[in-house]
Amino acid sequence: VDDIHPTFLVALISRRSRHRAGMRYKRRGVDKNGNVAN
């Protein structure tokens, strides 16, 4: 389509919070500081 710049650089970055990380069914909801699970 574009002979000058035929490429696109695509990045996907996922960052999981260290607050309230846990296993499903064991860590749910919000804590007293407003951090949500997972």
PDB file of all heavy atoms in Angstrom:
ATOM      1  N   VAL A   1       0.831  -1.195   0.000  1.00  0.00           N
ATOM      2  CA  VAL A   1       0.000   0.000   0.000  1.00  0.00           C
ATOM      3  C   VAL A   1       0.874   1.258   0.000  1.00  0.00           C
ATOM      4  O   VAL A   1       0.609   2.228  -0.678  1.00  0.00           O
ATOM      5  CB  VAL A   1      -0.938   0.000   1.230  1.00  0.00           C
ATOM      6  CG1 VAL A   1      -1.655   1.322   1.356  1.00  0.00           C
ATOM      7  CG2 VAL A   1      -1.924  -1.139   1.131  1.00  0.00           C
ATOM      8  N   ASP A   2       1.905   1.245   0.781  1.00  0.00           N
ATOM      9  CA  ASP A   2       2.759   2.420   0.916  1.00  0.00           C
ATOM     10  C   ASP A   2       4.200   2.022   0.628  1.00  0.00           C
ATOM     11  O   ASP A   2       4.847   1.358   1.421  1.00  0.00           O
ATOM     12  CB  ASP A   2       2.628   2.963   2.339  1.00  0.00           C
ATOM     13  CG  ASP A   2       3.378   4.249   2.553  1.00  0.00           C
ATOM     14  OD1 ASP A   2       4.210   4.616   1.699  1.00  0.00           O
ATOM     15  OD2 ASP A   2       3.124   4.885   3.575  1.00  0.00           O
ATOM     16  N   ASP A   3       4.712   2.408  -0.537  1.00  0.00           N
ATOM     17  CA  ASP A   3       6.062   2.003  -0.928  1.00  0.00           C
ATOM     18  C   ASP A   3       7.145   2.728  -0.145  1.00  0.00           C
ATOM     19  O   ASP A   3       8.281   2.291  -0.103  1.00  0.00           O
ATOM     20  CB  ASP A   3       6.265   2.255  -2.426  1.00  0.00           C
ATOM     21  CG  ASP A   3       5.390   1.334  -3.261  1.00  0.00           C
ATOM     22  OD1 ASP A   3       5.153   0.201  -2.808  1.00  0.00           O
ATOM     23  OD2 ASP A   3       4.934   1.757  -4.338  1.00  0.00           O
ATOM     24  N   ILE A   4       6.812   3.869   0.478  1.00  0.00           N
ATOM     25  CA  ILE A   4       7.820   4.616   1.225  1.00  0.00           C
ATOM     26  C   ILE A   4       8.044   3.976   2.598  1.00  0.00           C
ATOM     27  O   ILE A   4       9.166   3.713   2.998  1.00  0.00           O
ATOM     28  CB  ILE A   4       7.393   6.089   1.383  1.00  0.00           C
ATOM     29  CG1 ILE A   4       7.283   6.721  -0.013  1.00  0.00           C
ATOM     30  CG2 ILE A   4       8.389   6.856   2.245  1.00  0.00           C
ATOM     31  CD1 ILE A   4       6.636   8.085  -0.007  1.00  0.00           C
ATOM     32  N   HIS A   5       6.958   3.724   3.324  1.00  0.00           N
ATOM     33  CA  HIS A   5       7.037   3.078   4.642  1.00  0.00           C
ATOM     34  C   HIS A   5       6.067   1.901   4.664  1.00  0.00           C
ATOM     35  O   HIS A   5       4.952   2.023   5.154  1.00  0.00           O
ATOM     36  CB  HIS A   5       6.677   4.067   5.751  1.00  0.00           C
ATOM     37  CG  HIS A   5       7.625   5.209   5.863  1.00  0.00           C
ATOM     38  ND1 HIS A   5       8.882   5.070   6.387  1.00  0.00           N
ATOM     39  CD2 HIS A   5       7.511   6.507   5.509  1.00  0.00           C
ATOM     40  CE1 HIS A   5       9.501   6.223   6.362  1.00  0.00           C
ATOM     41  NE2 HIS A   5       8.690   7.122   5.830  1.00  0.00           N
ATOM     42  N   PRO A   6       6.465   0.751   4.145  1.00  0.00           N
ATOM     43  CA  PRO A   6       5.521  -0.362   4.042  1.00  0.00           C
ATOM     44  C   PRO A   6       5.274  -1.117   5.339  1.00  0.00           C
ATOM     45  O   PRO A   6       4.496  -2.035   5.369  1.00  0.00           O
ATOM     46  CB  PRO A   6       6.187  -1.281   3.022  1.00  0.00           C
ATOM     47  CG  PRO A   6       7.645  -1.016   3.201  1.00  0.00           C
ATOM     48  CD  PRO A   6       7.757   0.445   3.567  1.00  0.00           C
ATOM     49  N   THR A   7       5.932  -0.740   6.410  1.00  0.00           N
ATOM     50  CA  THR A   7       5.804  -1.518   7.639  1.00  0.00           C
ATOM     51  C   THR A   7       5.154  -0.719   8.763  1.00  0.00           C
ATOM     52  O   THR A   7       5.230   0.501   8.817  1.00  0.00           O
ATOM     53  CB  THR A   7       7.181  -2.010   8.118  1.00  0.00           C
ATOM     54  OG1 THR A   7       7.995  -0.885   8.397  1.00  0.00           O
ATOM     55  CG2 THR A   7       7.844  -2.899   7.082  1.00  0.00           C
ATOM     56  N   PHE A   8       4.522  -1.466   9.638  1.00  0.00           N
ATOM     57  CA  PHE A   8       3.952  -0.934  10.870  1.00  0.00           C
ATOM     58  C   PHE A   8       4.651  -1.655  12.011  1.00  0.00           C
ATOM     59  O   PHE A   8       4.853  -2.865  11.948  1.00  0.00           O
ATOM     60  CB  PHE A   8       2.457  -1.247  10.968  1.00  0.00           C
ATOM     61  CG  PHE A   8       1.607  -0.573   9.945  1.00  0.00           C
ATOM     62  CD1 PHE A   8       1.485  -1.092   8.673  1.00  0.00           C
ATOM     63  CD2 PHE A   8       0.920   0.589  10.267  1.00  0.00           C
ATOM     64  CE1 PHE A   8       0.687  -0.472   7.732  1.00  0.00           C
ATOM     65  CE2 PHE A   8       0.127   1.218   9.328  1.00  0.00           C
ATOM     66  CZ  PHE A   8       0.010   0.683   8.059  1.00  0.00           C
ATOM     67  N   LEU A   9       4.985  -0.944  13.033  1.00  0.00           N
ATOM     68  CA  LEU A   9       5.513  -1.572  14.228  1.00  0.00           C
ATOM     69  C   LEU A   9       4.355  -1.669  15.216  1.00  0.00           C
ATOM     70  O   LEU A   9       3.723  -0.656  15.532  1.00  0.00           O
ATOM     71  CB  LEU A   9       6.648  -0.729  14.805  1.00  0.00           C
ATOM     72  CG  LEU A   9       7.524  -1.406  15.846  1.00  0.00           C
ATOM     73  CD1 LEU A   9       8.215  -2.625  15.247  1.00  0.00           C
ATOM     74  CD2 LEU A   9       8.556  -0.428  16.373  1.00  0.00           C
ATOM     75  N   VAL A  10       4.042  -2.872  15.660  1.00  0.00           N
ATOM     76  CA  VAL A  10       2.924  -3.104  16.565  1.00  0.00           C
ATOM     77  C   VAL A  10       3.469  -3.706  17.856  1.00  0.00           C
ATOM     78  O   VAL A  10       4.240  -4.662  17.832  1.00  0.00           O
ATOM     79  CB  VAL A  10       1.883  -4.058  15.928  1.00  0.00           C
ATOM     80  CG1 VAL A  10       0.743  -4.327  16.894  1.00  0.00           C
ATOM     81  CG2 VAL A  10       1.365  -3.476  14.625  1.00  0.00           C
ATOM     82  N   ALA A  11       3.065  -3.139  18.976  1.00  0.00           N
ATOM     83  CA  ALA A  11       3.511  -3.638  20.280  1.00  0.00           C
ATOM     84  C   ALA A  11       2.297  -3.896  21.161  1.00  0.00           C
ATOM     85  O   ALA A  11       1.308  -3.164  21.117  1.00  0.00           O
ATOM     86  CB  ALA A  11       4.433  -2.629  20.957  1.00  0.00           C
ATOM     87  N   LEU A  12       2.372  -4.954  21.936  1.00  0.00           N
ATOM     88  CA  LEU A  12       1.350  -5.287  22.922  1.00  0.00           C
ATOM     89  C   LEU A  12       2.069  -5.463  24.255  1.00  0.00           C
ATOM     90  O   LEU A  12       2.988  -6.275  24.368  1.00  0.00           O
ATOM     91  CB  LEU A  12       0.620  -6.571  22.526  1.00  0.00           C
ATOM     92  CG  LEU A  12      -0.554  -6.983  23.398  1.00  0.00           C
ATOM     93  CD1 LEU A  12      -1.679  -5.969  23.263  1.00  0.00           C
ATOM     94  CD2 LEU A  12      -1.038  -8.358  22.998  1.00  0.00           C
ATOM     95  N   ILE A  13       1.667  -4.667  25.243  1.00  0.00           N
ATOM     96  CA  ILE A  13       2.308  -4.698  26.557  1.00  0.00           C
ATOM     97  C   ILE A  13       1.225  -4.854  27.615  1.00  0.00           C
ATOM     98  O   ILE A  13       0.319  -4.030  27.701  1.00  0.00           O
ATOM     99  CB  ILE A  13       3.105  -3.395  26.826  1.00  0.00           C
ATOM    100  CG1 ILE A  13       4.108  -3.139  25.712  1.00  0.00           C
ATOM    101  CG2 ILE A  13       3.771  -3.454  28.194  1.00  0.00           C
ATOM    102  CD1 ILE A  13       4.685  -1.734  25.726  1.00  0.00           C
ATOM    103  N   SER A  14       1.312  -5.903  28.405  1.00  0.00           N
ATOM    104  CA  SER A  14       0.387  -6.105  29.522  1.00  0.00           C
ATOM    105  C   SER A  14       1.170  -6.057  30.825  1.00  0.00           C
ATOM    106  O   SER A  14       2.183  -6.738  30.965  1.00  0.00           O
ATOM    107  CB  SER A  14      -0.337  -7.450  29.409  1.00  0.00           C
ATOM    108  OG  SER A  14      -1.282  -7.412  28.394  1.00  0.00           O
ATOM    109  N   ARG A  15       0.688  -5.247  31.758  1.00  0.00           N
ATOM    110  CA  ARG A  15       1.340  -5.099  33.052  1.00  0.00           C
ATOM    111  C   ARG A  15       0.342  -5.461  34.145  1.00  0.00           C
ATOM    112  O   ARG A  15      -0.719  -4.849  34.241  1.00  0.00           O
ATOM    113  CB  ARG A  15       1.818  -3.660  33.233  1.00  0.00           C
ATOM    114  CG  ARG A  15       2.828  -3.220  32.201  1.00  0.00           C
ATOM    115  CD  ARG A  15       3.110  -1.723  32.273  1.00  0.00           C
ATOM    116  NE  ARG A  15       2.061  -0.922  31.700  1.00  0.00           N
ATOM    117  CZ  ARG A  15       2.018  -0.524  30.416  1.00  0.00           C
ATOM    118  NH1 ARG A  15       2.952  -0.892  29.591  1.00  0.00           N
ATOM    119  NH2 ARG A  15       1.038   0.235  29.987  1.00  0.00           N
ATOM    120  N   ARG A  16       0.692  -6.451  34.943  1.00  0.00           N
ATOM    121  CA  ARG A  16      -0.180  -6.874  36.038  1.00  0.00           C
ATOM    122  C   ARG A  16       0.259  -6.166  37.314  1.00  0.00           C
ATOM    123  O   ARG A  16       1.445  -6.105  37.630  1.00  0.00           O
ATOM    124  CB  ARG A  16      -0.095  -8.385  36.214  1.00  0.00           C
ATOM    125  CG  ARG A  16      -1.059  -8.922  37.242  1.00  0.00           C
ATOM    126  CD  ARG A  16      -1.005 -10.428  37.295  1.00  0.00           C
ATOM    127  NE  ARG A  16      -2.025 -10.932  38.190  1.00  0.00           N
ATOM    128  CZ  ARG A  16      -1.981 -12.125  38.741  1.00  0.00           C
ATOM    129  NH1 ARG A  16      -0.994 -12.950  38.475  1.00  0.00           N
ATOM    130  NH2 ARG A  16      -2.929 -12.510  39.551  1.00  0.00           N
ATOM    131  N   SER A  17      -0.704  -5.659  38.041  1.00  0.00           N
ATOM    132  CA  SER A  17      -0.400  -4.944  39.280  1.00  0.00           C
ATOM    133  C   SER A  17       0.122  -5.903  40.349  1.00  0.00           C
ATOM    134  O   SER A  17      -0.310  -7.051  40.447  1.00  0.00           O
ATOM    135  CB  SER A  17      -1.664  -4.252  39.796  1.00  0.00           C
ATOM    136  OG  SER A  17      -1.426  -3.682  41.067  1.00  0.00           O
ATOM    137  N   ARG A  18       1.019  -5.391  41.168  1.00  0.00           N
ATOM    138  CA  ARG A  18       1.534  -6.194  42.286  1.00  0.00           C
ATOM    139  C   ARG A  18       0.574  -6.172  43.466  1.00  0.00           C
ATOM    140  O   ARG A  18       0.691  -6.946  44.405  1.00  0.00           O
ATOM    141  CB  ARG A  18       2.905  -5.694  42.713  1.00  0.00           C
ATOM    142  CG  ARG A  18       2.904  -4.290  43.235  1.00  0.00           C
ATOM    143  CD  ARG A  18       4.335  -3.799  43.488  1.00  0.00           C
ATOM    144  NE  ARG A  18       4.358  -2.378  43.751  1.00  0.00           N
ATOM    145  CZ  ARG A  18       4.161  -1.838  44.953  1.00  0.00           C
ATOM    146  NH1 ARG A  18       3.910  -2.596  45.993  1.00  0.00           N
ATOM    147  NH2 ARG A  18       4.205  -0.540  45.107  1.00  0.00           N
ATOM    148  N   HIS A  19      -0.402  -5.254  43.428  1.00  0.00           N
ATOM    149  CA  HIS A  19      -1.384  -5.144  44.508  1.00  0.00           C
ATOM    150  C   HIS A  19      -2.525  -6.128  44.256  1.00  0.00           C
ATOM    151  O   HIS A  19      -3.122  -6.119  43.194  1.00  0.00           O
ATOM    152  CB  HIS A  19      -1.957  -3.726  44.596  1.00  0.00           C
ATOM    153  CG  HIS A  19      -0.916  -2.683  44.807  1.00  0.00           C
ATOM    154  ND1 HIS A  19      -0.265  -2.520  46.010  1.00  0.00           N
ATOM    155  CD2 HIS A  19      -0.392  -1.766  43.964  1.00  0.00           C
ATOM    156  CE1 HIS A  19       0.601  -1.545  45.904  1.00  0.00           C
ATOM    157  NE2 HIS A  19       0.548  -1.064  44.675  1.00  0.00           N
ATOM    158  N   ARG A  20      -2.816  -6.963  45.191  1.00  0.00           N
ATOM    159  CA  ARG A  20      -3.932  -7.923  45.158  1.00  0.00           C
ATOM    160  C   ARG A  20      -3.834  -8.941  44.033  1.00  0.00           C
ATOM    161  O   ARG A  20      -4.834  -9.395  43.500  1.00  0.00           O
ATOM    162  CB  ARG A  20      -5.281  -7.213  45.111  1.00  0.00           C
ATOM    163  CG  ARG A  20      -5.591  -6.494  46.414  1.00  0.00           C
ATOM    164  CD  ARG A  20      -7.002  -6.038  46.577  1.00  0.00           C
ATOM    165  NE  ARG A  20      -8.034  -7.034  46.454  1.00  0.00           N
ATOM    166  CZ  ARG A  20      -8.348  -7.966  47.352  1.00  0.00           C
ATOM    167  NH1 ARG A  20      -7.660  -8.076  48.461  1.00  0.00           N
ATOM    168  NH2 ARG A  20      -9.358  -8.785  47.149  1.00  0.00           N
ATOM    169  N   ALA A  21      -2.619  -9.287  43.649  1.00  0.00           N
ATOM    170  CA  ALA A  21      -2.453 -10.372  42.680  1.00  0.00           C
ATOM    171  C   ALA A  21      -2.773 -11.675  43.403  1.00  0.00           C
ATOM    172  O   ALA A  21      -2.502 -11.820  44.590  1.00  0.00           O
ATOM    173  CB  ALA A  21      -1.029 -10.396  42.143  1.00  0.00           C
ATOM    174  N   GLY A  22      -3.386 -12.596  42.703  1.00  0.00           N
ATOM    175  CA  GLY A  22      -3.705 -13.861  43.351  1.00  0.00           C
ATOM    176  C   GLY A  22      -4.404 -14.820  42.435  1.00  0.00           C
ATOM    177  O   GLY A  22      -4.705 -14.518  41.283  1.00  0.00           O
ATOM    178  N   MET A  23      -4.677 -15.984  42.960  1.00  0.00           N
ATOM    179  CA  MET A  23      -5.309 -17.051  42.210  1.00  0.00           C
ATOM    180  C   MET A  23      -6.816 -16.807  42.098  1.00  0.00           C
ATOM    181  O   MET A  23      -7.438 -16.296  43.024  1.00  0.00           O
ATOM    182  CB  MET A  23      -5.057 -18.370  42.951  1.00  0.00           C
ATOM    183  CG  MET A  23      -5.230 -19.591  42.123  1.00  0.00           C
ATOM    184  SD  MET A  23      -4.624 -21.042  43.013  1.00  0.00           S
ATOM    185  CE  MET A  23      -5.912 -21.272  44.216  1.00  0.00           C
ATOM    186  N   ARG A  24      -7.364 -17.183  40.960  1.00  0.00           N
ATOM    187  CA  ARG A  24      -8.801 -17.033  40.750  1.00  0.00           C
ATOM    188  C   ARG A  24      -9.570 -17.779  41.841  1.00  0.00           C
ATOM    189  O   ARG A  24      -9.155 -18.846  42.273  1.00  0.00           O
ATOM    190  CB  ARG A  24      -9.147 -17.600  39.371  1.00  0.00           C
ATOM    191  CG  ARG A  24     -10.556 -17.295  38.982  1.00  0.00           C
ATOM    192  CD  ARG A  24     -10.805 -17.695  37.567  1.00  0.00           C
ATOM    193  NE  ARG A  24     -12.194 -17.391  37.288  1.00  0.00           N
ATOM    194  CZ  ARG A  24     -12.815 -17.732  36.201  1.00  0.00           C
ATOM    195  NH1 ARG A  24     -12.181 -18.380  35.273  1.00  0.00           N
ATOM    196  NH2 ARG A  24     -14.069 -17.427  36.032  1.00  0.00           N
ATOM    197  N   TYR A  25     -10.672 -17.246  42.255  1.00  0.00           N
ATOM    198  CA  TYR A  25     -11.538 -17.739  43.338  1.00  0.00           C
ATOM    199  C   TYR A  25     -10.923 -17.526  44.722  1.00  0.00           C
ATOM    200  O   TYR A  25     -11.590 -17.681  45.723  1.00  0.00           O
ATOM    201  CB  TYR A  25     -11.931 -19.214  43.182  1.00  0.00           C
ATOM    202  CG  TYR A  25     -12.705 -19.495  41.933  1.00  0.00           C
ATOM    203  CD1 TYR A  25     -12.272 -20.440  41.020  1.00  0.00           C
ATOM    204  CD2 TYR A  25     -13.883 -18.801  41.645  1.00  0.00           C
ATOM    205  CE1 TYR A  25     -12.981 -20.688  39.861  1.00  0.00           C
ATOM    206  CE2 TYR A  25     -14.589 -19.037  40.491  1.00  0.00           C
ATOM    207  CZ  TYR A  25     -14.141 -19.981  39.604  1.00  0.00           C
ATOM    208  OH  TYR A  25     -14.839 -20.231  38.458  1.00  0.00           O
ATOM    209  N   LYS A  26      -9.635 -17.162  44.801  1.00  0.00           N
ATOM    210  CA  LYS A  26      -9.018 -16.896  46.095  1.00  0.00           C
ATOM    211  C   LYS A  26      -8.861 -15.398  46.330  1.00  0.00           C
ATOM    212  O   LYS A  26      -8.821 -14.948  47.459  1.00  0.00           O
ATOM    213  CB  LYS A  26      -7.638 -17.559  46.182  1.00  0.00           C
ATOM    214  CG  LYS A  26      -7.673 -19.069  46.136  1.00  0.00           C
ATOM    215  CD  LYS A  26      -8.293 -19.664  47.351  1.00  0.00           C
ATOM    216  CE  LYS A  26      -7.332 -19.666  48.495  1.00  0.00           C
ATOM    217  NZ  LYS A  26      -7.885 -20.157  49.723  1.00  0.00           N
ATOM    218  N   ARG A  27      -8.732 -14.628  45.239  1.00  0.00           N
ATOM    219  CA  ARG A  27      -8.531 -13.183  45.368  1.00  0.00           C
ATOM    220  C   ARG A  27      -9.557 -12.486  44.489  1.00  0.00           C
ATOM    221  O   ARG A  27      -9.516 -12.583  43.280  1.00  0.00           O
ATOM    222  CB  ARG A  27      -7.112 -12.839  44.916  1.00  0.00           C
ATOM    223  CG  ARG A  27      -6.758 -11.403  45.019  1.00  0.00           C
ATOM    224  CD  ARG A  27      -6.457 -10.954  46.410  1.00  0.00           C
ATOM    225  NE  ARG A  27      -5.250 -11.616  46.873  1.00  0.00           N
ATOM    226  CZ  ARG A  27      -4.798 -11.543  48.099  1.00  0.00           C
ATOM    227  NH1 ARG A  27      -5.438 -10.837  48.983  1.00  0.00           N
ATOM    228  NH2 ARG A  27      -3.719 -12.168  48.454  1.00  0.00           N
ATOM    229  N   ARG A  28     -10.490 -11.785  45.122  1.00  0.00           N
ATOM    230  CA  ARG A  28     -11.586 -11.107  44.418  1.00  0.00           C
ATOM    231  C   ARG A  28     -11.801  -9.717  44.999  1.00  0.00           C
ATOM    232  O   ARG A  28     -11.385  -9.429  46.114  1.00  0.00           O
ATOM    233  CB  ARG A  28     -12.896 -11.905  44.558  1.00  0.00           C
ATOM    234  CG  ARG A  28     -12.862 -13.287  43.954  1.00  0.00           C
ATOM    235  CD  ARG A  28     -12.809 -13.212  42.478  1.00  0.00           C
ATOM    236  NE  ARG A  28     -13.357 -14.429  41.899  1.00  0.00           N
ATOM    237  CZ  ARG A  28     -13.325 -14.693  40.618  1.00  0.00           C
ATOM    238  NH1 ARG A  28     -12.788 -13.857  39.773  1.00  0.00           N
ATOM    239  NH2 ARG A  28     -13.840 -15.803  40.148  1.00  0.00           N
ATOM    240  N   GLY A  29     -12.485  -8.878  44.247  1.00  0.00           N
ATOM    241  CA  GLY A  29     -12.952  -7.602  44.763  1.00  0.00           C
ATOM    242  C   GLY A  29     -11.880  -6.549  44.966  1.00  0.00           C
ATOM    243  O   GLY A  29     -10.830  -6.566  44.348  1.00  0.00           O
ATOM    244  N   VAL A  30     -12.187  -5.621  45.881  1.00  0.00           N
ATOM    245  CA  VAL A  30     -11.360  -4.457  46.151  1.00  0.00           C
ATOM    246  C   VAL A  30     -10.816  -4.542  47.576  1.00  0.00           C
ATOM    247  O   VAL A  30     -11.397  -5.220  48.424  1.00  0.00           O
ATOM    248  CB  VAL A  30     -12.202  -3.163  45.944  1.00  0.00           C
ATOM    249  CG1 VAL A  30     -13.277  -3.027  47.010  1.00  0.00           C
ATOM    250  CG2 VAL A  30     -11.353  -1.916  45.850  1.00  0.00           C
ATOM    251  N   ASP A  31      -9.695  -3.863  47.838  1.00  0.00           N
ATOM    252  CA  ASP A  31      -9.197  -3.796  49.211  1.00  0.00           C
ATOM    253  C   ASP A  31      -9.440  -2.395  49.780  1.00  0.00           C
ATOM    254  O   ASP A  31      -9.992  -1.527  49.100  1.00  0.00           O
ATOM    255  CB  ASP A  31      -7.713  -4.201  49.292  1.00  0.00           C
ATOM    256  CG  ASP A  31      -6.761  -3.213  48.637  1.00  0.00           C
ATOM    257  OD1 ASP A  31      -7.186  -2.100  48.249  1.00  0.00           O
ATOM    258  OD2 ASP A  31      -5.576  -3.561  48.495  1.00  0.00           O
ATOM    259  N   LYS A  32      -9.016  -2.166  51.010  1.00  0.00           N
ATOM    260  CA  LYS A  32      -9.297  -0.894  51.682  1.00  0.00           C
ATOM    261  C   LYS A  32      -8.608   0.299  51.031  1.00  0.00           C
ATOM    262  O   LYS A  32      -8.973   1.449  51.276  1.00  0.00           O
ATOM    263  CB  LYS A  32      -8.923  -0.981  53.161  1.00  0.00           C
ATOM    264  CG  LYS A  32      -7.458  -1.195  53.405  1.00  0.00           C
ATOM    265  CD  LYS A  32      -7.151  -1.331  54.881  1.00  0.00           C
ATOM    266  CE  LYS A  32      -5.710  -1.739  55.058  1.00  0.00           C
ATOM    267  NZ  LYS A  32      -4.887  -0.798  55.717  1.00  0.00           N
ATOM    268  N   ASN A  33      -7.608   0.063  50.166  1.00  0.00           N
ATOM    269  CA  ASN A  33      -6.898   1.142  49.474  1.00  0.00           C
ATOM    270  C   ASN A  33      -7.425   1.392  48.060  1.00  0.00           C
ATOM    271  O   ASN A  33      -6.879   2.231  47.347  1.00  0.00           O
ATOM    272  CB  ASN A  33      -5.400   0.838  49.415  1.00  0.00           C
ATOM    273  CG  ASN A  33      -4.789   0.728  50.790  1.00  0.00           C
ATOM    274  OD1 ASN A  33      -5.071   1.549  51.665  1.00  0.00           O
ATOM    275  ND2 ASN A  33      -3.988  -0.290  50.997  1.00  0.00           N
ATOM    276  N   GLY A  34      -8.431   0.626  47.647  1.00  0.00           N
ATOM    277  CA  GLY A  34      -8.987   0.804  46.312  1.00  0.00           C
ATOM    278  C   GLY A  34      -8.323  -0.039  45.244  1.00  0.00           C
ATOM    279  O   GLY A  34      -8.605   0.127  44.057  1.00  0.00           O
ATOM    280  N   ASN A  35      -7.437  -0.955  45.623  1.00  0.00           N
ATOM    281  CA  ASN A  35      -6.805  -1.855  44.658  1.00  0.00           C
ATOM    282  C   ASN A  35      -7.728  -3.030  44.380  1.00  0.00           C
ATOM    283  O   ASN A  35      -8.246  -3.644  45.313  1.00  0.00           O
ATOM    284  CB  ASN A  35      -5.476  -2.390  45.208  1.00  0.00           C
ATOM    285  CG  ASN A  35      -4.492  -1.286  45.487  1.00  0.00           C
ATOM    286  OD1 ASN A  35      -4.201  -0.472  44.626  1.00  0.00           O
ATOM    287  ND2 ASN A  35      -3.990  -1.242  46.711  1.00  0.00           N
ATOM    288  N   VAL A  36      -7.935  -3.338  43.097  1.00  0.00           N
ATOM    289  CA  VAL A  36      -8.789  -4.473  42.753  1.00  0.00           C
ATOM    290  C   VAL A  36      -7.921  -5.694  42.468  1.00  0.00           C
ATOM    291  O   VAL A  36      -6.768  -5.579  42.047  1.00  0.00           O
ATOM    292  CB  VAL A  36      -9.716  -4.173  41.550  1.00  0.00           C
ATOM    293  CG1 VAL A  36     -10.694  -3.074  41.880  1.00  0.00           C
ATOM    294  CG2 VAL A  36      -8.938  -3.857  40.295  1.00  0.00           C
ATOM    295  N   ALA A  37      -8.489  -6.863  42.680  1.00  0.00           N
ATOM    296  CA  ALA A  37      -7.776  -8.115  42.471  1.00  0.00           C
ATOM    297  C   ALA A  37      -7.462  -8.320  40.988  1.00  0.00           C
ATOM    298  O   ALA A  37      -8.265  -7.982  40.123  1.00  0.00           O
ATOM    299  CB  ALA A  37      -8.615  -9.282  42.995  1.00  0.00           C
ATOM    300  N   ASN A  38      -6.266  -8.836  40.750  1.00  0.00           N
ATOM    301  CA  ASN A  38      -5.822  -9.248  39.414  1.00  0.00           C
ATOM    302  C   ASN A  38      -5.988  -8.146  38.360  1.00  0.00           C
ATOM    303  O   ASN A  38      -6.438  -8.393  37.249  1.00  0.00           O
ATOM    304  CB  ASN A  38      -6.516 -10.543  39.009  1.00  0.00           C
ATOM    305  CG  ASN A  38      -6.149 -11.659  39.962  1.00  0.00           C
ATOM    306  OD1 ASN A  38      -4.988 -11.916  40.221  1.00  0.00           O
ATOM    307  ND2 ASN A  38      -7.160 -12.296  40.535  1.00  0.00           N
TER     308      ASN A  38
END
